[in-house]
């Protein structure tokens, strides 16, 4: 299969522009989710 540098460059550029945030991504959103989950687990244990 012949390599197409223009295609490869466009794929790399598209990947660099991707800013979709996944639920499992590291950061403040994930930390908040884990804290909320742990807080509800403590409430369930005491109830």
C-alpha atoms as a PDB file:
ATOM      1  CA  UNK A   1       0.000   0.000   0.000  1.00  0.00           C
ATOM      2  CA  UNK A   2       1.376   3.375  -1.003  1.00  0.00           C
ATOM      3  CA  UNK A   3       1.792   5.924   1.767  1.00  0.00           C
ATOM      4  CA  UNK A   4      -0.022   9.201   1.299  1.00  0.00           C
ATOM      5  CA  UNK A   5       1.726  11.930   3.330  1.00  0.00           C
ATOM      6  CA  UNK A   6      -1.104  14.392   2.792  1.00  0.00           C
ATOM      7  CA  UNK A   7      -3.629  11.943   4.258  1.00  0.00           C
ATOM      8  CA  UNK A   8      -1.389  11.148   7.220  1.00  0.00           C
ATOM      9  CA  UNK A   9      -0.847  14.857   7.887  1.00  0.00           C
ATOM     10  CA  UNK A  10      -4.601  15.522   7.807  1.00  0.00           C
ATOM     11  CA  UNK A  11      -5.243  12.674  10.260  1.00  0.00           C
ATOM     12  CA  UNK A  12      -2.609  14.019  12.656  1.00  0.00           C
ATOM     13  CA  UNK A  13      -4.038  17.549  12.387  1.00  0.00           C
ATOM     14  CA  UNK A  14      -7.565  16.283  13.064  1.00  0.00           C
ATOM     15  CA  UNK A  15      -6.392  14.311  16.100  1.00  0.00           C
ATOM     16  CA  UNK A  16      -4.620  17.366  17.488  1.00  0.00           C
ATOM     17  CA  UNK A  17      -7.781  19.482  17.137  1.00  0.00           C
ATOM     18  CA  UNK A  18      -9.970  16.919  18.924  1.00  0.00           C
ATOM     19  CA  UNK A  19     -11.033  18.303  22.310  1.00  0.00           C
ATOM     20  CA  UNK A  20     -13.778  15.861  23.261  1.00  0.00           C
ATOM     21  CA  UNK A  21     -13.746  15.196  26.992  1.00  0.00           C
ATOM     22  CA  UNK A  22     -14.296  11.578  27.907  1.00  0.00           C
ATOM     23  CA  UNK A  23     -15.893  10.676  31.250  1.00  0.00           C
ATOM     24  CA  UNK A  24     -12.833   8.698  32.304  1.00  0.00           C
ATOM     25  CA  UNK A  25     -10.414  11.540  31.542  1.00  0.00           C
ATOM     26  CA  UNK A  26      -8.223  12.797  34.374  1.00  0.00           C
ATOM     27  CA  UNK A  27      -8.935  16.189  35.857  1.00  0.00           C
ATOM     28  CA  UNK A  28     -11.343  18.168  37.993  1.00  0.00           C
ATOM     29  CA  UNK A  29     -14.458  16.621  36.470  1.00  0.00           C
ATOM     30  CA  UNK A  30     -13.292  13.102  37.298  1.00  0.00           C
ATOM     31  CA  UNK A  31     -12.217  14.086  40.815  1.00  0.00           C
ATOM     32  CA  UNK A  32     -15.647  15.636  41.466  1.00  0.00           C
ATOM     33  CA  UNK A  33     -17.385  12.482  40.228  1.00  0.00           C
ATOM     34  CA  UNK A  34     -15.249  10.247  42.461  1.00  0.00           C
ATOM     35  CA  UNK A  35     -15.873  12.483  45.493  1.00  0.00           C
ATOM     36  CA  UNK A  36     -19.623  12.396  44.849  1.00  0.00           C
ATOM     37  CA  UNK A  37     -19.563   8.602  44.466  1.00  0.00           C
ATOM     38  CA  UNK A  38     -17.567   8.149  47.678  1.00  0.00           C
ATOM     39  CA  UNK A  39     -19.882  10.497  49.591  1.00  0.00           C
ATOM     40  CA  UNK A  40     -22.966   8.544  48.529  1.00  0.00           C
ATOM     41  CA  UNK A  41     -21.265   5.266  49.503  1.00  0.00           C
ATOM     42  CA  UNK A  42     -20.628   6.613  53.012  1.00  0.00           C
ATOM     43  CA  UNK A  43     -24.259   7.697  53.303  1.00  0.00           C
ATOM     44  CA  UNK A  44     -25.469   4.233  52.259  1.00  0.00           C
ATOM     45  CA  UNK A  45     -23.186   2.520  54.819  1.00  0.00           C
ATOM     46  CA  UNK A  46     -24.469   4.625  57.715  1.00  0.00           C
ATOM     47  CA  UNK A  47     -28.115   4.280  56.750  1.00  0.00           C
END
